[in-house]
Amino acid sequence: MQFYIGDIISTIFILVVLGAMFFFLIKMIKIGKSTHLPLPPETLQQQINELKTRVKQLERQVQHLSERR
């Protein structure tokens, strides 16, 4: 089995390019994960305030509908 210098060089070149692509993709994935910060979950107090607002709106709608009759 005989190896030619061109075959060895091209094989090494392909391996180096694939390795560089692999490490570049890993780096980009890490950067993407670190920059994407999820929004903090709503606190219970915020949910209560939103529900109070919604109840007030619904009470106004009911009052408005009862006045129309």
PDB file of N, CA and C in Angstrom:
ATOM      1  N   MET A   1       0.855  -1.167   0.000  1.00  0.00           N
ATOM      2  CA  MET A   1       0.000   0.000   0.000  1.00  0.00           C
ATOM      3  C   MET A   1       0.901   1.230   0.000  1.00  0.00           C
ATOM      4  N   GLN A   2       0.644   2.097  -0.954  1.00  0.00           N
ATOM      5  CA  GLN A   2       1.526   3.235  -1.134  1.00  0.00           C
ATOM      6  C   GLN A   2       0.748   4.525  -0.899  1.00  0.00           C
ATOM      7  N   PHE A   3       1.308   5.423  -0.086  1.00  0.00           N
ATOM      8  CA  PHE A   3       0.681   6.705   0.189  1.00  0.00           C
ATOM      9  C   PHE A   3       1.416   7.796  -0.577  1.00  0.00           C
ATOM     10  N   TYR A   4       0.661   8.647  -1.223  1.00  0.00           N
ATOM     11  CA  TYR A   4       1.236   9.774  -1.932  1.00  0.00           C
ATOM     12  C   TYR A   4       1.171  11.003  -1.030  1.00  0.00           C
ATOM     13  N   ILE A   5       2.136  11.863  -1.168  1.00  0.00           N
ATOM     14  CA  ILE A   5       2.215  13.059  -0.323  1.00  0.00           C
ATOM     15  C   ILE A   5       0.980  13.943  -0.519  1.00  0.00           C
ATOM     16  N   GLY A   6       0.442  13.990  -1.731  1.00  0.00           N
ATOM     17  CA  GLY A   6      -0.756  14.788  -1.998  1.00  0.00           C
ATOM     18  C   GLY A   6      -1.962  14.251  -1.247  1.00  0.00           C
ATOM     19  N   ASP A   7      -2.084  12.925  -1.185  1.00  0.00           N
ATOM     20  CA  ASP A   7      -3.189  12.318  -0.447  1.00  0.00           C
ATOM     21  C   ASP A   7      -3.098  12.648   1.039  1.00  0.00           C
ATOM     22  N   ILE A   8      -1.905  12.570   1.571  1.00  0.00           N
ATOM     23  CA  ILE A   8      -1.715  12.844   2.996  1.00  0.00           C
ATOM     24  C   ILE A   8      -2.026  14.303   3.302  1.00  0.00           C
ATOM     25  N   ILE A   9      -1.538  15.210   2.452  1.00  0.00           N
ATOM     26  CA  ILE A   9      -1.763  16.643   2.666  1.00  0.00           C
ATOM     27  C   ILE A   9      -3.245  16.974   2.561  1.00  0.00           C
ATOM     28  N   SER A  10      -3.928  16.455   1.560  1.00  0.00           N
ATOM     29  CA  SER A  10      -5.347  16.766   1.405  1.00  0.00           C
ATOM     30  C   SER A  10      -6.177  16.174   2.540  1.00  0.00           C
ATOM     31  N   THR A  11      -5.819  14.996   3.015  1.00  0.00           N
ATOM     32  CA  THR A  11      -6.533  14.389   4.132  1.00  0.00           C
ATOM     33  C   THR A  11      -6.338  15.203   5.400  1.00  0.00           C
ATOM     34  N   ILE A  12      -5.099  15.627   5.653  1.00  0.00           N
ATOM     35  CA  ILE A  12      -4.831  16.461   6.826  1.00  0.00           C
ATOM     36  C   ILE A  12      -5.575  17.784   6.721  1.00  0.00           C
ATOM     37  N   PHE A  13      -5.607  18.376   5.531  1.00  0.00           N
ATOM     38  CA  PHE A  13      -6.311  19.642   5.324  1.00  0.00           C
ATOM     39  C   PHE A  13      -7.805  19.480   5.618  1.00  0.00           C
ATOM     40  N   ILE A  14      -8.401  18.426   5.121  1.00  0.00           N
ATOM     41  CA  ILE A  14      -9.829  18.191   5.350  1.00  0.00           C
ATOM     42  C   ILE A  14     -10.108  17.993   6.842  1.00  0.00           C
ATOM     43  N   LEU A  15      -9.254  17.239   7.529  1.00  0.00           N
ATOM     44  CA  LEU A  15      -9.439  17.025   8.961  1.00  0.00           C
ATOM     45  C   LEU A  15      -9.302  18.333   9.737  1.00  0.00           C
ATOM     46  N   VAL A  16      -8.353  19.164   9.359  1.00  0.00           N
ATOM     47  CA  VAL A  16      -8.175  20.450  10.034  1.00  0.00           C
ATOM     48  C   VAL A  16      -9.392  21.346   9.810  1.00  0.00           C
ATOM     49  N   VAL A  17      -9.908  21.389   8.587  1.00  0.00           N
ATOM     50  CA  VAL A  17     -11.086  22.212   8.295  1.00  0.00           C
ATOM     51  C   VAL A  17     -12.294  21.710   9.080  1.00  0.00           C
ATOM     52  N   LEU A  18     -12.509  20.411   9.118  1.00  0.00           N
ATOM     53  CA  LEU A  18     -13.641  19.861   9.868  1.00  0.00           C
ATOM     54  C   LEU A  18     -13.495  20.132  11.365  1.00  0.00           C
ATOM     55  N   GLY A  19     -12.282  20.000  11.888  1.00  0.00           N
ATOM     56  CA  GLY A  19     -12.048  20.300  13.299  1.00  0.00           C
ATOM     57  C   GLY A  19     -12.313  21.761  13.618  1.00  0.00           C
ATOM     58  N   ALA A  20     -11.865  22.657  12.748  1.00  0.00           N
ATOM     59  CA  ALA A  20     -12.101  24.087  12.961  1.00  0.00           C
ATOM     60  C   ALA A  20     -13.590  24.400  12.931  1.00  0.00           C
ATOM     61  N   MET A  21     -14.307  23.788  11.985  1.00  0.00           N
ATOM     62  CA  MET A  21     -15.760  23.997  11.911  1.00  0.00           C
ATOM     63  C   MET A  21     -16.439  23.494  13.186  1.00  0.00           C
ATOM     64  N   PHE A  22     -16.036  22.352  13.686  1.00  0.00           N
ATOM     65  CA  PHE A  22     -16.620  21.785  14.893  1.00  0.00           C
ATOM     66  C   PHE A  22     -16.431  22.723  16.080  1.00  0.00           C
ATOM     67  N   PHE A  23     -15.191  23.194  16.306  1.00  0.00           N
ATOM     68  CA  PHE A  23     -14.943  24.071  17.438  1.00  0.00           C
ATOM     69  C   PHE A  23     -15.622  25.426  17.265  1.00  0.00           C
ATOM     70  N   PHE A  24     -15.724  25.917  16.039  1.00  0.00           N
ATOM     71  CA  PHE A  24     -16.422  27.172  15.786  1.00  0.00           C
ATOM     72  C   PHE A  24     -17.905  27.035  16.124  1.00  0.00           C
ATOM     73  N   LEU A  25     -18.530  25.925  15.728  1.00  0.00           N
ATOM     74  CA  LEU A  25     -19.940  25.715  16.031  1.00  0.00           C
ATOM     75  C   LEU A  25     -20.165  25.595  17.538  1.00  0.00           C
ATOM     76  N   ILE A  26     -19.294  24.885  18.230  1.00  0.00           N
ATOM     77  CA  ILE A  26     -19.419  24.771  19.684  1.00  0.00           C
ATOM     78  C   ILE A  26     -19.314  26.157  20.329  1.00  0.00           C
ATOM     79  N   LYS A  27     -18.374  26.970  19.857  1.00  0.00           N
ATOM     80  CA  LYS A  27     -18.203  28.318  20.406  1.00  0.00           C
ATOM     81  C   LYS A  27     -19.452  29.158  20.163  1.00  0.00           C
ATOM     82  N   MET A  28     -20.023  29.080  18.963  1.00  0.00           N
ATOM     83  CA  MET A  28     -21.217  29.862  18.645  1.00  0.00           C
ATOM     84  C   MET A  28     -22.414  29.405  19.471  1.00  0.00           C
ATOM     85  N   ILE A  29     -22.526  28.129  19.725  1.00  0.00           N
ATOM     86  CA  ILE A  29     -23.625  27.628  20.550  1.00  0.00           C
ATOM     87  C   ILE A  29     -23.489  28.154  21.977  1.00  0.00           C
ATOM     88  N   LYS A  30     -22.275  28.162  22.508  1.00  0.00           N
ATOM     89  CA  LYS A  30     -22.055  28.687  23.852  1.00  0.00           C
ATOM     90  C   LYS A  30     -22.384  30.165  23.922  1.00  0.00           C
ATOM     91  N   ILE A  31     -21.980  30.919  22.910  1.00  0.00           N
ATOM     92  CA  ILE A  31     -22.274  32.359  22.878  1.00  0.00           C
ATOM     93  C   ILE A  31     -23.777  32.569  22.796  1.00  0.00           C
ATOM     94  N   GLY A  32     -24.448  31.779  21.981  1.00  0.00           N
ATOM     95  CA  GLY A  32     -25.894  31.914  21.846  1.00  0.00           C
ATOM     96  C   GLY A  32     -26.630  31.607  23.130  1.00  0.00           C
ATOM     97  N   LYS A  33     -26.167  30.608  23.857  1.00  0.00           N
ATOM     98  CA  LYS A  33     -26.824  30.267  25.120  1.00  0.00           C
ATOM     99  C   LYS A  33     -26.578  31.331  26.176  1.00  0.00           C
ATOM    100  N   SER A  34     -25.416  31.933  26.175  1.00  0.00           N
ATOM    101  CA  SER A  34     -25.111  32.908  27.218  1.00  0.00           C
ATOM    102  C   SER A  34     -25.814  34.242  26.966  1.00  0.00           C
ATOM    103  N   THR A  35     -26.106  34.584  25.724  1.00  0.00           N
ATOM    104  CA  THR A  35     -26.749  35.865  25.451  1.00  0.00           C
ATOM    105  C   THR A  35     -28.260  35.788  25.539  1.00  0.00           C
ATOM    106  N   HIS A  36     -28.823  34.604  25.467  1.00  0.00           N
ATOM    107  CA  HIS A  36     -30.273  34.447  25.535  1.00  0.00           C
ATOM    108  C   HIS A  36     -30.678  34.228  26.985  1.00  0.00           C
ATOM    109  N   LEU A  37     -31.130  35.314  27.628  1.00  0.00           N
ATOM    110  CA  LEU A  37     -31.542  35.211  29.012  1.00  0.00           C
ATOM    111  C   LEU A  37     -33.065  35.098  29.053  1.00  0.00           C
ATOM    112  N   PRO A  38     -33.588  34.055  29.655  1.00  0.00           N
ATOM    113  CA  PRO A  38     -35.041  33.923  29.724  1.00  0.00           C
ATOM    114  C   PRO A  38     -35.634  34.981  30.639  1.00  0.00           C
ATOM    115  N   LEU A  39     -36.869  35.355  30.362  1.00  0.00           N
ATOM    116  CA  LEU A  39     -37.538  36.325  31.204  1.00  0.00           C
ATOM    117  C   LEU A  39     -37.835  35.690  32.556  1.00  0.00           C
ATOM    118  N   PRO A  40     -37.689  36.462  33.614  1.00  0.00           N
ATOM    119  CA  PRO A  40     -37.986  35.886  34.930  1.00  0.00           C
ATOM    120  C   PRO A  40     -39.480  35.580  35.039  1.00  0.00           C
ATOM    121  N   PRO A  41     -39.837  34.523  35.744  1.00  0.00           N
ATOM    122  CA  PRO A  41     -41.259  34.205  35.881  1.00  0.00           C
ATOM    123  C   PRO A  41     -41.961  35.277  36.695  1.00  0.00           C
ATOM    124  N   GLU A  42     -43.225  35.445  36.391  1.00  0.00           N
ATOM    125  CA  GLU A  42     -43.988  36.460  37.100  1.00  0.00           C
ATOM    126  C   GLU A  42     -44.106  36.074  38.571  1.00  0.00           C
ATOM    127  N   THR A  43     -44.042  37.082  39.406  1.00  0.00           N
ATOM    128  CA  THR A  43     -44.220  36.814  40.819  1.00  0.00           C
ATOM    129  C   THR A  43     -45.706  36.656  41.111  1.00  0.00           C
ATOM    130  N   LEU A  44     -45.995  36.083  42.243  1.00  0.00           N
ATOM    131  CA  LEU A  44     -47.388  35.861  42.627  1.00  0.00           C
ATOM    132  C   LEU A  44     -48.117  37.194  42.751  1.00  0.00           C
ATOM    133  N   GLN A  45     -47.437  38.210  43.255  1.00  0.00           N
ATOM    134  CA  GLN A  45     -48.065  39.526  43.412  1.00  0.00           C
ATOM    135  C   GLN A  45     -48.425  40.118  42.049  1.00  0.00           C
ATOM    136  N   GLN A  46     -47.564  39.965  41.064  1.00  0.00           N
ATOM    137  CA  GLN A  46     -47.873  40.471  39.723  1.00  0.00           C
ATOM    138  C   GLN A  46     -49.092  39.760  39.152  1.00  0.00           C
ATOM    139  N   GLN A  47     -49.186  38.466  39.359  1.00  0.00           N
ATOM    140  CA  GLN A  47     -50.341  37.717  38.866  1.00  0.00           C
ATOM    141  C   GLN A  47     -51.613  38.177  39.566  1.00  0.00           C
ATOM    142  N   ILE A  48     -51.526  38.429  40.867  1.00  0.00           N
ATOM    143  CA  ILE A  48     -52.693  38.909  41.607  1.00  0.00           C
ATOM    144  C   ILE A  48     -53.130  40.269  41.083  1.00  0.00           C
ATOM    145  N   ASN A  49     -52.179  41.161  40.840  1.00  0.00           N
ATOM    146  CA  ASN A  49     -52.512  42.497  40.322  1.00  0.00           C
ATOM    147  C   ASN A  49     -53.172  42.402  38.949  1.00  0.00           C
ATOM    148  N   GLU A  50     -52.665  41.519  38.087  1.00  0.00           N
ATOM    149  CA  GLU A  50     -53.270  41.358  36.762  1.00  0.00           C
ATOM    150  C   GLU A  50     -54.688  40.813  36.869  1.00  0.00           C
ATOM    151  N   LEU A  51     -54.887  39.867  37.783  1.00  0.00           N
ATOM    152  CA  LEU A  51     -56.237  39.320  37.973  1.00  0.00           C
ATOM    153  C   LEU A  51     -57.193  40.370  38.524  1.00  0.00           C
ATOM    154  N   LYS A  52     -56.719  41.208  39.452  1.00  0.00           N
ATOM    155  CA  LYS A  52     -57.560  42.282  39.983  1.00  0.00           C
ATOM    156  C   LYS A  52     -57.979  43.237  38.872  1.00  0.00           C
ATOM    157  N   THR A  53     -57.032  43.573  38.009  1.00  0.00           N
ATOM    158  CA  THR A  53     -57.334  44.466  36.885  1.00  0.00           C
ATOM    159  C   THR A  53     -58.368  43.840  35.963  1.00  0.00           C
ATOM    160  N   ARG A  54     -58.197  42.564  35.678  1.00  0.00           N
ATOM    161  CA  ARG A  54     -59.138  41.860  34.793  1.00  0.00           C
ATOM    162  C   ARG A  54     -60.523  41.786  35.425  1.00  0.00           C
ATOM    163  N   VAL A  55     -60.599  41.549  36.737  1.00  0.00           N
ATOM    164  CA  VAL A  55     -61.890  41.486  37.433  1.00  0.00           C
ATOM    165  C   VAL A  55     -62.576  42.841  37.384  1.00  0.00           C
ATOM    166  N   LYS A  56     -61.814  43.906  37.593  1.00  0.00           N
ATOM    167  CA  LYS A  56     -62.398  45.252  37.522  1.00  0.00           C
ATOM    168  C   LYS A  56     -62.963  45.538  36.134  1.00  0.00           C
ATOM    169  N   GLN A  57     -62.234  45.114  35.095  1.00  0.00           N
ATOM    170  CA  GLN A  57     -62.725  45.312  33.737  1.00  0.00           C
ATOM    171  C   GLN A  57     -64.022  44.540  33.507  1.00  0.00           C
ATOM    172  N   LEU A  58     -64.059  43.311  33.977  1.00  0.00           N
ATOM    173  CA  LEU A  58     -65.261  42.501  33.811  1.00  0.00           C
ATOM    174  C   LEU A  58     -66.434  43.077  34.602  1.00  0.00           C
ATOM    175  N   GLU A  59     -66.176  43.599  35.807  1.00  0.00           N
ATOM    176  CA  GLU A  59     -67.242  44.225  36.594  1.00  0.00           C
ATOM    177  C   GLU A  59     -67.814  45.440  35.870  1.00  0.00           C
ATOM    178  N   ARG A  60     -66.934  46.239  35.248  1.00  0.00           N
ATOM    179  CA  ARG A  60     -67.404  47.402  34.479  1.00  0.00           C
ATOM    180  C   ARG A  60     -68.251  46.959  33.287  1.00  0.00           C
ATOM    181  N   GLN A  61     -67.816  45.886  32.620  1.00  0.00           N
ATOM    182  CA  GLN A  61     -68.592  45.389  31.482  1.00  0.00           C
ATOM    183  C   GLN A  61     -69.963  44.905  31.922  1.00  0.00           C
ATOM    184  N   VAL A  62     -70.028  44.200  33.043  1.00  0.00           N
ATOM    185  CA  VAL A  62     -71.312  43.715  33.554  1.00  0.00           C
ATOM    186  C   VAL A  62     -72.204  44.887  33.937  1.00  0.00           C
ATOM    187  N   GLN A  63     -71.621  45.884  34.590  1.00  0.00           N
ATOM    188  CA  GLN A  63     -72.397  47.062  34.990  1.00  0.00           C
ATOM    189  C   GLN A  63     -72.913  47.793  33.751  1.00  0.00           C
ATOM    190  N   HIS A  64     -72.075  47.917  32.746  1.00  0.00           N
ATOM    191  CA  HIS A  64     -72.467  48.585  31.521  1.00  0.00           C
ATOM    192  C   HIS A  64     -73.614  47.825  30.830  1.00  0.00           C
ATOM    193  N   LEU A  65     -73.511  46.501  30.795  1.00  0.00           N
ATOM    194  CA  LEU A  65     -74.574  45.713  30.175  1.00  0.00           C
ATOM    195  C   LEU A  65     -75.870  45.784  30.964  1.00  0.00           C
ATOM    196  N   SER A  66     -75.775  45.810  32.288  1.00  0.00           N
ATOM    197  CA  SER A  66     -77.005  45.903  33.102  1.00  0.00           C
ATOM    198  C   SER A  66     -77.651  47.269  32.949  1.00  0.00           C
ATOM    199  N   GLU A  67     -76.872  48.308  32.754  1.00  0.00           N
ATOM    200  CA  GLU A  67     -77.428  49.640  32.522  1.00  0.00           C
ATOM    201  C   GLU A  67     -78.146  49.747  31.188  1.00  0.00           C
ATOM    202  N   ARG A  68     -77.694  49.006  30.208  1.00  0.00           N
ATOM    203  CA  ARG A  68     -78.302  49.045  28.876  1.00  0.00           C
ATOM    204  C   ARG A  68     -79.696  48.425  28.891  1.00  0.00           C
ATOM    205  N   ARG A  69     -79.891  47.469  29.794  1.00  0.00           N
ATOM    206  CA  ARG A  69     -81.201  46.822  29.862  1.00  0.00           C
ATOM    207  C   ARG A  69     -82.116  47.725  30.620  1.00  0.00           C
TER     208      ARG A  69
END
